[in-house]
Amino acid sequence: MDLDVFVIGGVGIDTIVRVPGLPLPGRETIHVQPVETYVGHTGHGVVLGCQQLGLLAGLADVIGDDAEGRRIRAEYERLGLPLAVALHPSGTRRSVNLVAPDGSRVSLYDGRHPPGMRVDPNLWRGRIERARHVHVSIMDFARRALPDVLAADCTLSTDLHDWDGDNEYHRDFAQCADIVFVSTSQLREKAIDWIFVSGRAKVVVAMAGAEGSYLHVRGEEPVHLPAVEIPNRPVVDTNGAGDAYVAAFLTTWLDGRSYYEAAEAGTIAGAWACGSPGTHTDLITAEQLILLSR
């Protein structure tokens, strides 16, 4: 099946715990609202976000032959989304995300898979060549797909998340991608300059949460896009906001519009995602994005 966006890596199970505040109070027992679990994580958010915006997106990933992995496969079958998986005995990734009343969060991430894990490259080969665009999540196994994406002469994006600019783990992802997304939360000065000097990126988007985002296009001055507030949709949960931004950015850019227009769409989609509890429970649709863009 030909795909608009093929995502490699990044699905798992999120457990959301809504806590009275962060950091947690120093006592033994804290009463919380009902704890919920969701199919989530970064790659899934990009797939689902693109699908909501009218693109055909699919995922390839490594999961476990466990209850969590079976839940993921059932969810993709229910959604009718293409999913290719390799099974590994270490199991399916999961995380526990603590969410405060203002929507801020702390994520306790259980990546599970052993460092250096290798999988059969046929997990992604044959699919890359049939995709308009490939988004590679920063899973360790997925870095081995990077040469295949480059050989296929396919456009490539990645999300470095809270990279500090120094950690070697992220560097080959940053160097190979045409479009790089990164959080400003840990980013050191000059890291974006390093991406442009050392890699092939045409654009770097630095996402800054409540401050909005910064669009860096190669050879141009950076542009700040402030965060937006959506009427009657207050922030309740920031889980998945970055993934929603990425999906809307890619969808808009693949539609032939400018990087700036793509970043505007991402800003709106990220804000929309913050207005619903849980992970990827109510991502913006194409119709909603058009209305809010006017």
C-alpha atoms as a PDB file:
ATOM      1  CA  MET A   1       0.000   0.000   0.000  1.00  0.00           C
ATOM      2  CA  ASP A   2       1.349   3.440  -0.952  1.00  0.00           C
ATOM      3  CA  LEU A   3       1.540   5.824   2.016  1.00  0.00           C
ATOM      4  CA  ASP A   4       1.750   9.586   2.344  1.00  0.00           C
ATOM      5  CA  VAL A   5       3.700   9.256   5.591  1.00  0.00           C
ATOM      6  CA  PHE A   6       5.505   6.126   6.769  1.00  0.00           C
ATOM      7  CA  VAL A   7       6.600   6.251  10.416  1.00  0.00           C
ATOM      8  CA  ILE A   8       9.340   3.988  11.726  1.00  0.00           C
ATOM      9  CA  GLY A   9       9.250   3.402  15.483  1.00  0.00           C
ATOM     10  CA  GLY A  10       7.442   4.848  18.435  1.00  0.00           C
ATOM     11  CA  VAL A  11       4.286   3.086  19.582  1.00  0.00           C
ATOM     12  CA  GLY A  12       3.561   1.947  23.123  1.00  0.00           C
ATOM     13  CA  ILE A  13       1.124   2.124  26.000  1.00  0.00           C
ATOM     14  CA  ASP A  14       0.673   5.255  28.103  1.00  0.00           C
ATOM     15  CA  THR A  15      -0.695   5.185  31.630  1.00  0.00           C
ATOM     16  CA  ILE A  16      -1.992   8.632  32.569  1.00  0.00           C
ATOM     17  CA  VAL A  17      -2.128   9.576  36.236  1.00  0.00           C
ATOM     18  CA  ARG A  18      -3.736  12.934  36.965  1.00  0.00           C
ATOM     19  CA  VAL A  19      -1.976  14.238  40.097  1.00  0.00           C
ATOM     20  CA  PRO A  20      -2.801  17.258  42.309  1.00  0.00           C
ATOM     21  CA  GLY A  21       0.398  19.037  41.338  1.00  0.00           C
ATOM     22  CA  LEU A  22       4.029  18.683  40.223  1.00  0.00           C
ATOM     23  CA  PRO A  23       6.329  18.030  41.897  1.00  0.00           C
ATOM     24  CA  LEU A  24       4.374  15.536  43.945  1.00  0.00           C
ATOM     25  CA  PRO A  25       3.725  16.332  47.601  1.00  0.00           C
ATOM     26  CA  GLY A  26       5.985  14.480  50.008  1.00  0.00           C
ATOM     27  CA  ARG A  27       3.606  11.964  51.491  1.00  0.00           C
ATOM     28  CA  GLU A  28       3.146   8.225  51.211  1.00  0.00           C
ATOM     29  CA  THR A  29      -0.373   8.133  49.695  1.00  0.00           C
ATOM     30  CA  ILE A  30      -1.797  10.541  47.154  1.00  0.00           C
ATOM     31  CA  HIS A  31      -5.383  10.159  45.988  1.00  0.00           C
ATOM     32  CA  VAL A  32      -5.803  10.663  42.248  1.00  0.00           C
ATOM     33  CA  GLN A  33      -8.518  10.604  39.620  1.00  0.00           C
ATOM     34  CA  PRO A  34      -9.163   7.301  37.795  1.00  0.00           C
ATOM     35  CA  VAL A  35      -6.008   6.059  36.108  1.00  0.00           C
ATOM     36  CA  GLU A  36      -6.399   5.482  32.349  1.00  0.00           C
ATOM     37  CA  THR A  37      -4.287   3.720  29.734  1.00  0.00           C
ATOM     38  CA  TYR A  38      -4.020   4.516  26.031  1.00  0.00           C
ATOM     39  CA  VAL A  39      -2.237   3.374  22.912  1.00  0.00           C
ATOM     40  CA  GLY A  40       0.224   6.195  22.542  1.00  0.00           C
ATOM     41  CA  HIS A  41       3.855   7.333  22.176  1.00  0.00           C
ATOM     42  CA  THR A  42       5.412   9.576  19.600  1.00  0.00           C
ATOM     43  CA  GLY A  43       5.276   7.538  16.383  1.00  0.00           C
ATOM     44  CA  HIS A  44       1.672   6.572  16.953  1.00  0.00           C
ATOM     45  CA  GLY A  45       0.793  10.226  17.549  1.00  0.00           C
ATOM     46  CA  VAL A  46       2.263  11.242  14.191  1.00  0.00           C
ATOM     47  CA  VAL A  47       0.453   8.410  12.366  1.00  0.00           C
ATOM     48  CA  LEU A  48      -2.872   9.167  13.996  1.00  0.00           C
ATOM     49  CA  GLY A  49      -2.469  12.923  13.582  1.00  0.00           C
ATOM     50  CA  CYS A  50      -1.731  12.591   9.859  1.00  0.00           C
ATOM     51  CA  GLN A  51      -4.677  10.237   9.421  1.00  0.00           C
ATOM     52  CA  GLN A  52      -6.996  12.711  11.134  1.00  0.00           C
ATOM     53  CA  LEU A  53      -5.812  15.368   8.689  1.00  0.00           C
ATOM     54  CA  GLY A  54      -6.595  13.286   5.637  1.00  0.00           C
ATOM     55  CA  LEU A  55      -3.300  11.572   4.848  1.00  0.00           C
ATOM     56  CA  LEU A  56      -2.697   7.843   4.597  1.00  0.00           C
ATOM     57  CA  ALA A  57      -0.111   6.999   7.226  1.00  0.00           C
ATOM     58  CA  GLY A  58       1.295   3.750   8.549  1.00  0.00           C
ATOM     59  CA  LEU A  59       3.752   2.500  11.145  1.00  0.00           C
ATOM     60  CA  ALA A  60       6.511  -0.082  11.447  1.00  0.00           C
ATOM     61  CA  ASP A  61       7.785  -0.891  14.923  1.00  0.00           C
ATOM     62  CA  VAL A  62       9.045  -3.466  17.385  1.00  0.00           C
ATOM     63  CA  ILE A  63       6.578  -4.573  20.056  1.00  0.00           C
ATOM     64  CA  GLY A  64       6.151  -7.519  22.375  1.00  0.00           C
ATOM     65  CA  ASP A  65       3.990 -10.608  22.166  1.00  0.00           C
ATOM     66  CA  ASP A  66       2.236  -9.404  25.296  1.00  0.00           C
ATOM     67  CA  ALA A  67      -1.056  -7.846  26.305  1.00  0.00           C
ATOM     68  CA  GLU A  68       0.187  -4.374  25.403  1.00  0.00           C
ATOM     69  CA  GLY A  69       1.359  -5.490  21.973  1.00  0.00           C
ATOM     70  CA  ARG A  70      -1.914  -7.251  21.291  1.00  0.00           C
ATOM     71  CA  ARG A  71      -3.782  -4.097  22.285  1.00  0.00           C
ATOM     72  CA  ILE A  72      -1.752  -2.062  19.786  1.00  0.00           C
ATOM     73  CA  ARG A  73      -2.403  -4.502  16.954  1.00  0.00           C
ATOM     74  CA  ALA A  74      -6.117  -4.566  17.745  1.00  0.00           C
ATOM     75  CA  GLU A  75      -6.237  -0.760  17.784  1.00  0.00           C
ATOM     76  CA  TYR A  76      -4.572  -0.485  14.383  1.00  0.00           C
ATOM     77  CA  GLU A  77      -6.953  -3.058  12.974  1.00  0.00           C
ATOM     78  CA  ARG A  78      -9.881  -1.099  14.409  1.00  0.00           C
ATOM     79  CA  LEU A  79      -8.583   2.149  12.915  1.00  0.00           C
ATOM     80  CA  GLY A  80      -7.777   0.523   9.587  1.00  0.00           C
ATOM     81  CA  LEU A  81      -4.194   1.829   9.694  1.00  0.00           C
ATOM     82  CA  PRO A  82      -1.269  -0.087   8.170  1.00  0.00           C
ATOM     83  CA  LEU A  83       0.973  -1.654  10.815  1.00  0.00           C
ATOM     84  CA  ALA A  84       4.088  -3.777  10.380  1.00  0.00           C
ATOM     85  CA  VAL A  85       5.626  -5.243  13.512  1.00  0.00           C
ATOM     86  CA  ALA A  86       8.559  -7.295  14.658  1.00  0.00           C
ATOM     87  CA  LEU A  87       8.137  -9.108  17.965  1.00  0.00           C
ATOM     88  CA  HIS A  88      10.834  -8.980  20.628  1.00  0.00           C
ATOM     89  CA  PRO A  89      10.922 -10.798  23.996  1.00  0.00           C
ATOM     90  CA  SER A  90      11.696  -7.581  25.889  1.00  0.00           C
ATOM     91  CA  GLY A  91       8.065  -6.580  25.345  1.00  0.00           C
ATOM     92  CA  THR A  92       6.169  -3.458  24.402  1.00  0.00           C
ATOM     93  CA  ARG A  93       7.303   0.003  25.438  1.00  0.00           C
ATOM     94  CA  ARG A  94       5.218   1.812  28.015  1.00  0.00           C
ATOM     95  CA  SER A  95       5.258   4.952  30.080  1.00  0.00           C
ATOM     96  CA  VAL A  96       3.575   6.404  33.142  1.00  0.00           C
ATOM     97  CA  ASN A  97       2.775  10.079  32.639  1.00  0.00           C
ATOM     98  CA  LEU A  98       1.969  12.254  35.644  1.00  0.00           C
ATOM     99  CA  VAL A  99      -0.260  15.159  34.620  1.00  0.00           C
ATOM    100  CA  ALA A 100      -0.877  18.241  36.769  1.00  0.00           C
ATOM    101  CA  PRO A 101      -4.103  20.304  36.694  1.00  0.00           C
ATOM    102  CA  ASP A 102      -2.453  22.895  34.428  1.00  0.00           C
ATOM    103  CA  GLY A 103      -1.673  20.169  31.861  1.00  0.00           C
ATOM    104  CA  SER A 104       2.063  19.989  32.544  1.00  0.00           C
ATOM    105  CA  ARG A 105       3.500  16.511  32.807  1.00  0.00           C
ATOM    106  CA  VAL A 106       6.373  14.278  33.813  1.00  0.00           C
ATOM    107  CA  SER A 107       6.840  11.118  31.755  1.00  0.00           C
ATOM    108  CA  LEU A 108       8.367   7.981  33.285  1.00  0.00           C
ATOM    109  CA  TYR A 109       9.481   6.140  30.161  1.00  0.00           C
ATOM    110  CA  ASP A 110      10.087   2.393  30.014  1.00  0.00           C
ATOM    111  CA  GLY A 111      11.775   1.814  26.644  1.00  0.00           C
ATOM    112  CA  ARG A 112      12.410  -1.862  27.439  1.00  0.00           C
ATOM    113  CA  HIS A 113      14.325  -2.796  24.320  1.00  0.00           C
ATOM    114  CA  PRO A 114      18.025  -3.552  24.852  1.00  0.00           C
ATOM    115  CA  PRO A 115      20.598  -1.088  23.470  1.00  0.00           C
ATOM    116  CA  GLY A 116      21.880  -2.133  20.078  1.00  0.00           C
ATOM    117  CA  MET A 117      18.833  -4.293  19.357  1.00  0.00           C
ATOM    118  CA  ARG A 118      18.715  -5.288  15.704  1.00  0.00           C
ATOM    119  CA  VAL A 119      15.692  -6.334  13.696  1.00  0.00           C
ATOM    120  CA  ASP A 120      15.165  -7.634  10.184  1.00  0.00           C
ATOM    121  CA  PRO A 121      15.407  -4.563   7.900  1.00  0.00           C
ATOM    122  CA  ASN A 122      12.560  -5.965   5.834  1.00  0.00           C
ATOM    123  CA  LEU A 123      10.409  -4.417   8.545  1.00  0.00           C
ATOM    124  CA  TRP A 124      10.820  -1.138   6.657  1.00  0.00           C
ATOM    125  CA  ARG A 125      12.324  -2.110   3.300  1.00  0.00           C
ATOM    126  CA  GLY A 126       9.778  -2.237   0.516  1.00  0.00           C
ATOM    127  CA  ARG A 127       7.650   0.275   2.406  1.00  0.00           C
ATOM    128  CA  ILE A 128      10.045   3.219   2.343  1.00  0.00           C
ATOM    129  CA  GLU A 129      10.117   3.179  -1.449  1.00  0.00           C
ATOM    130  CA  ARG A 130       6.333   3.434  -1.608  1.00  0.00           C
ATOM    131  CA  ALA A 131       5.995   6.392   0.753  1.00  0.00           C
ATOM    132  CA  ARG A 132       5.927  10.103  -0.059  1.00  0.00           C
ATOM    133  CA  HIS A 133       7.676  10.889   3.206  1.00  0.00           C
ATOM    134  CA  VAL A 134       9.313   8.943   6.048  1.00  0.00           C
ATOM    135  CA  HIS A 135       9.349  10.022   9.691  1.00  0.00           C
ATOM    136  CA  VAL A 136      11.897   8.160  11.824  1.00  0.00           C
ATOM    137  CA  SER A 137      11.405   8.158  15.597  1.00  0.00           C
ATOM    138  CA  ILE A 138      14.514   8.083  17.771  1.00  0.00           C
ATOM    139  CA  MET A 139      14.232   4.415  18.657  1.00  0.00           C
ATOM    140  CA  ASP A 140      17.680   2.791  18.684  1.00  0.00           C
ATOM    141  CA  PHE A 141      16.706   0.111  16.143  1.00  0.00           C
ATOM    142  CA  ALA A 142      15.265   2.763  13.799  1.00  0.00           C
ATOM    143  CA  ARG A 143      18.621   4.443  13.222  1.00  0.00           C
ATOM    144  CA  ARG A 144      19.507   1.465  11.031  1.00  0.00           C
ATOM    145  CA  ALA A 145      16.719   2.487   8.677  1.00  0.00           C
ATOM    146  CA  LEU A 146      18.288   5.893   8.024  1.00  0.00           C
ATOM    147  CA  PRO A 147      20.668   4.741   5.225  1.00  0.00           C
ATOM    148  CA  ASP A 148      17.788   2.962   3.494  1.00  0.00           C
ATOM    149  CA  VAL A 149      15.655   6.112   3.583  1.00  0.00           C
ATOM    150  CA  LEU A 150      18.510   8.186   2.158  1.00  0.00           C
ATOM    151  CA  ALA A 151      19.187   5.593  -0.550  1.00  0.00           C
ATOM    152  CA  ALA A 152      15.520   5.726  -1.545  1.00  0.00           C
ATOM    153  CA  ASP A 153      15.876   9.494  -2.080  1.00  0.00           C
ATOM    154  CA  CYS A 154      12.865  10.021   0.153  1.00  0.00           C
ATOM    155  CA  THR A 155      12.292  13.082   2.311  1.00  0.00           C
ATOM    156  CA  LEU A 156      12.917  12.364   5.965  1.00  0.00           C
ATOM    157  CA  SER A 157      11.916  13.944   9.258  1.00  0.00           C
ATOM    158  CA  THR A 158      12.675  13.164  12.881  1.00  0.00           C
ATOM    159  CA  ASP A 159      11.771  14.480  16.333  1.00  0.00           C
ATOM    160  CA  LEU A 160      14.745  14.723  18.699  1.00  0.00           C
ATOM    161  CA  HIS A 161      12.452  15.547  21.662  1.00  0.00           C
ATOM    162  CA  ASP A 162      14.446  16.876  24.651  1.00  0.00           C
ATOM    163  CA  TRP A 163      17.903  16.560  23.047  1.00  0.00           C
ATOM    164  CA  ASP A 164      20.476  18.742  24.755  1.00  0.00           C
ATOM    165  CA  GLY A 165      22.598  19.249  21.651  1.00  0.00           C
ATOM    166  CA  ASP A 166      25.452  17.096  22.968  1.00  0.00           C
ATOM    167  CA  ASN A 167      24.087  13.569  23.428  1.00  0.00           C
ATOM    168  CA  GLU A 168      25.661  11.393  20.726  1.00  0.00           C
ATOM    169  CA  TYR A 169      22.598   9.123  20.635  1.00  0.00           C
ATOM    170  CA  HIS A 170      20.587  11.692  18.643  1.00  0.00           C
ATOM    171  CA  ARG A 171      23.237  12.912  16.245  1.00  0.00           C
ATOM    172  CA  ASP A 172      22.769  10.606  13.270  1.00  0.00           C
ATOM    173  CA  PHE A 173      19.015  11.226  13.354  1.00  0.00           C
ATOM    174  CA  ALA A 174      19.712  14.987  13.336  1.00  0.00           C
ATOM    175  CA  GLN A 175      22.246  14.721  10.510  1.00  0.00           C
ATOM    176  CA  CYS A 176      20.120  12.603   8.184  1.00  0.00           C
ATOM    177  CA  ALA A 177      16.773  14.404   8.378  1.00  0.00           C
ATOM    178  CA  ASP A 178      15.487  17.062   5.988  1.00  0.00           C
ATOM    179  CA  ILE A 179      13.098  18.317   8.676  1.00  0.00           C
ATOM    180  CA  VAL A 180      14.179  18.236  12.327  1.00  0.00           C
ATOM    181  CA  PHE A 181      11.847  18.824  15.264  1.00  0.00           C
ATOM    182  CA  VAL A 182      13.315  19.368  18.711  1.00  0.00           C
ATOM    183  CA  SER A 183      12.181  20.635  22.102  1.00  0.00           C
ATOM    184  CA  THR A 184      13.865  23.692  23.585  1.00  0.00           C
ATOM    185  CA  SER A 185      13.599  22.259  27.125  1.00  0.00           C
ATOM    186  CA  GLN A 186      17.217  21.023  27.268  1.00  0.00           C
ATOM    187  CA  LEU A 187      18.652  22.450  24.055  1.00  0.00           C
ATOM    188  CA  ARG A 188      22.011  24.171  24.407  1.00  0.00           C
ATOM    189  CA  GLU A 189      22.994  27.283  22.498  1.00  0.00           C
ATOM    190  CA  LYS A 190      24.327  26.673  18.957  1.00  0.00           C
ATOM    191  CA  ALA A 191      22.800  23.181  18.710  1.00  0.00           C
ATOM    192  CA  ILE A 192      20.589  24.249  15.814  1.00  0.00           C
ATOM    193  CA  ASP A 193      23.612  25.761  14.067  1.00  0.00           C
ATOM    194  CA  TRP A 194      25.325  22.377  14.449  1.00  0.00           C
ATOM    195  CA  ILE A 195      22.390  20.615  12.780  1.00  0.00           C
ATOM    196  CA  PHE A 196      22.619  22.872   9.733  1.00  0.00           C
ATOM    197  CA  VAL A 197      26.416  22.663   9.506  1.00  0.00           C
ATOM    198  CA  SER A 198      26.682  18.915  10.084  1.00  0.00           C
ATOM    199  CA  GLY A 199      23.524  17.643   8.413  1.00  0.00           C
ATOM    200  CA  ARG A 200      21.208  18.046   5.467  1.00  0.00           C
ATOM    201  CA  ALA A 201      18.298  19.713   7.244  1.00  0.00           C
ATOM    202  CA  LYS A 202      16.431  22.355   5.306  1.00  0.00           C
ATOM    203  CA  VAL A 203      14.419  23.358   8.361  1.00  0.00           C
ATOM    204  CA  VAL A 204      14.591  22.927  12.137  1.00  0.00           C
ATOM    205  CA  VAL A 205      11.526  23.508  14.288  1.00  0.00           C
ATOM    206  CA  ALA A 206      12.255  24.182  17.957  1.00  0.00           C
ATOM    207  CA  MET A 207       9.116  23.607  20.022  1.00  0.00           C
ATOM    208  CA  ALA A 208       8.922  25.634  23.220  1.00  0.00           C
ATOM    209  CA  GLY A 209       5.622  24.659  24.832  1.00  0.00           C
ATOM    210  CA  ALA A 210       3.675  27.645  26.146  1.00  0.00           C
ATOM    211  CA  GLU A 211       6.152  29.975  24.408  1.00  0.00           C
ATOM    212  CA  GLY A 212       5.196  28.573  21.010  1.00  0.00           C
ATOM    213  CA  SER A 213       7.839  27.475  18.521  1.00  0.00           C
ATOM    214  CA  TYR A 214      10.788  28.804  16.547  1.00  0.00           C
ATOM    215  CA  LEU A 215      11.086  28.148  12.829  1.00  0.00           C
ATOM    216  CA  HIS A 216      14.660  27.946  11.561  1.00  0.00           C
ATOM    217  CA  VAL A 217      14.932  27.696   7.773  1.00  0.00           C
ATOM    218  CA  ARG A 218      18.409  27.182   6.334  1.00  0.00           C
ATOM    219  CA  GLY A 219      19.894  30.509   5.258  1.00  0.00           C
ATOM    220  CA  GLU A 220      17.119  32.598   6.830  1.00  0.00           C
ATOM    221  CA  GLU A 221      16.571  34.384  10.126  1.00  0.00           C
ATOM    222  CA  PRO A 222      14.571  32.344  12.665  1.00  0.00           C
ATOM    223  CA  VAL A 223      10.901  33.200  13.132  1.00  0.00           C
ATOM    224  CA  HIS A 224       8.995  32.934  16.405  1.00  0.00           C
ATOM    225  CA  LEU A 225       5.437  31.622  16.268  1.00  0.00           C
ATOM    226  CA  PRO A 226       3.667  32.282  19.574  1.00  0.00           C
ATOM    227  CA  ALA A 227       1.400  29.671  21.091  1.00  0.00           C
ATOM    228  CA  VAL A 228      -2.309  30.092  20.425  1.00  0.00           C
ATOM    229  CA  GLU A 229      -5.300  29.784  22.693  1.00  0.00           C
ATOM    230  CA  ILE A 230      -8.362  28.038  21.290  1.00  0.00           C
ATOM    231  CA  PRO A 231     -11.662  29.499  22.522  1.00  0.00           C
ATOM    232  CA  ASN A 232     -13.585  27.245  24.909  1.00  0.00           C
ATOM    233  CA  ARG A 233     -10.750  24.691  24.881  1.00  0.00           C
ATOM    234  CA  PRO A 234      -8.465  25.270  27.877  1.00  0.00           C
ATOM    235  CA  VAL A 235      -5.246  23.335  28.382  1.00  0.00           C
ATOM    236  CA  VAL A 236      -5.856  20.165  30.389  1.00  0.00           C
ATOM    237  CA  ASP A 237      -3.136  17.762  29.209  1.00  0.00           C
ATOM    238  CA  THR A 238       0.008  18.403  27.150  1.00  0.00           C
ATOM    239  CA  ASN A 239       0.547  14.716  26.300  1.00  0.00           C
ATOM    240  CA  GLY A 240       0.843  14.329  22.536  1.00  0.00           C
ATOM    241  CA  ALA A 241       0.951  18.049  21.729  1.00  0.00           C
ATOM    242  CA  GLY A 242       4.336  17.794  20.043  1.00  0.00           C
ATOM    243  CA  ASP A 243       3.231  14.816  17.952  1.00  0.00           C
ATOM    244  CA  ALA A 244       0.137  16.739  16.861  1.00  0.00           C
ATOM    245  CA  TYR A 245       2.362  19.654  15.844  1.00  0.00           C
ATOM    246  CA  VAL A 246       4.586  17.338  13.780  1.00  0.00           C
ATOM    247  CA  ALA A 247       1.618  15.706  12.041  1.00  0.00           C
ATOM    248  CA  ALA A 248       0.032  19.032  11.076  1.00  0.00           C
ATOM    249  CA  PHE A 249       3.368  20.451   9.939  1.00  0.00           C
ATOM    250  CA  LEU A 250       4.075  17.456   7.695  1.00  0.00           C
ATOM    251  CA  THR A 251       0.527  17.376   6.329  1.00  0.00           C
ATOM    252  CA  THR A 252       0.618  21.072   5.416  1.00  0.00           C
ATOM    253  CA  TRP A 253       4.109  20.908   3.926  1.00  0.00           C
ATOM    254  CA  LEU A 254       3.275  17.819   1.871  1.00  0.00           C
ATOM    255  CA  ASP A 255       0.309  19.777   0.538  1.00  0.00           C
ATOM    256  CA  GLY A 256       2.822  22.109  -1.092  1.00  0.00           C
ATOM    257  CA  ARG A 257       2.600  25.006   1.319  1.00  0.00           C
ATOM    258  CA  SER A 258       5.468  26.901   2.933  1.00  0.00           C
ATOM    259  CA  TYR A 259       7.387  25.969   6.052  1.00  0.00           C
ATOM    260  CA  TYR A 260       5.834  28.974   7.784  1.00  0.00           C
ATOM    261  CA  GLU A 261       2.299  27.862   6.905  1.00  0.00           C
ATOM    262  CA  ALA A 262       3.216  24.365   8.094  1.00  0.00           C
ATOM    263  CA  ALA A 263       4.445  25.757  11.417  1.00  0.00           C
ATOM    264  CA  GLU A 264       1.254  27.789  11.799  1.00  0.00           C
ATOM    265  CA  ALA A 265      -0.781  24.620  11.289  1.00  0.00           C
ATOM    266  CA  GLY A 266       1.408  22.776  13.787  1.00  0.00           C
ATOM    267  CA  THR A 267       0.892  25.511  16.361  1.00  0.00           C
ATOM    268  CA  ILE A 268      -2.877  25.184  16.094  1.00  0.00           C
ATOM    269  CA  ALA A 269      -2.840  21.380  16.130  1.00  0.00           C
ATOM    270  CA  GLY A 270      -0.585  21.287  19.178  1.00  0.00           C
ATOM    271  CA  ALA A 271      -2.850  23.673  21.058  1.00  0.00           C
ATOM    272  CA  TRP A 272      -5.901  21.621  20.100  1.00  0.00           C
ATOM    273  CA  ALA A 273      -4.293  18.438  21.440  1.00  0.00           C
ATOM    274  CA  CYS A 274      -3.774  20.094  24.833  1.00  0.00           C
ATOM    275  CA  GLY A 275      -7.531  20.522  25.227  1.00  0.00           C
ATOM    276  CA  SER A 276      -8.375  16.862  25.821  1.00  0.00           C
ATOM    277  CA  PRO A 277      -7.257  14.515  28.614  1.00  0.00           C
ATOM    278  CA  GLY A 278      -5.149  11.480  27.808  1.00  0.00           C
ATOM    279  CA  THR A 279      -2.857  10.740  24.887  1.00  0.00           C
ATOM    280  CA  HIS A 280      -4.030  11.326  21.307  1.00  0.00           C
ATOM    281  CA  THR A 281      -7.682  11.107  22.338  1.00  0.00           C
ATOM    282  CA  ASP A 282      -8.905  14.077  20.279  1.00  0.00           C
ATOM    283  CA  LEU A 283      -6.499  15.184  17.559  1.00  0.00           C
ATOM    284  CA  ILE A 284      -7.513  17.946  15.212  1.00  0.00           C
ATOM    285  CA  THR A 285      -9.248  17.132  11.920  1.00  0.00           C
ATOM    286  CA  ALA A 286      -8.656  18.800   8.578  1.00  0.00           C
ATOM    287  CA  GLU A 287     -11.987  20.618   8.809  1.00  0.00           C
ATOM    288  CA  GLN A 288     -11.245  21.937  12.317  1.00  0.00           C
ATOM    289  CA  LEU A 289      -7.786  23.062  11.267  1.00  0.00           C
ATOM    290  CA  ILE A 290      -9.197  25.007   8.308  1.00  0.00           C
ATOM    291  CA  LEU A 291     -11.743  26.768  10.510  1.00  0.00           C
ATOM    292  CA  LEU A 292      -9.167  27.746  13.138  1.00  0.00           C
ATOM    293  CA  SER A 293      -6.672  28.906  10.509  1.00  0.00           C
ATOM    294  CA  ARG A 294      -8.984  31.632   9.200  1.00  0.00           C
END
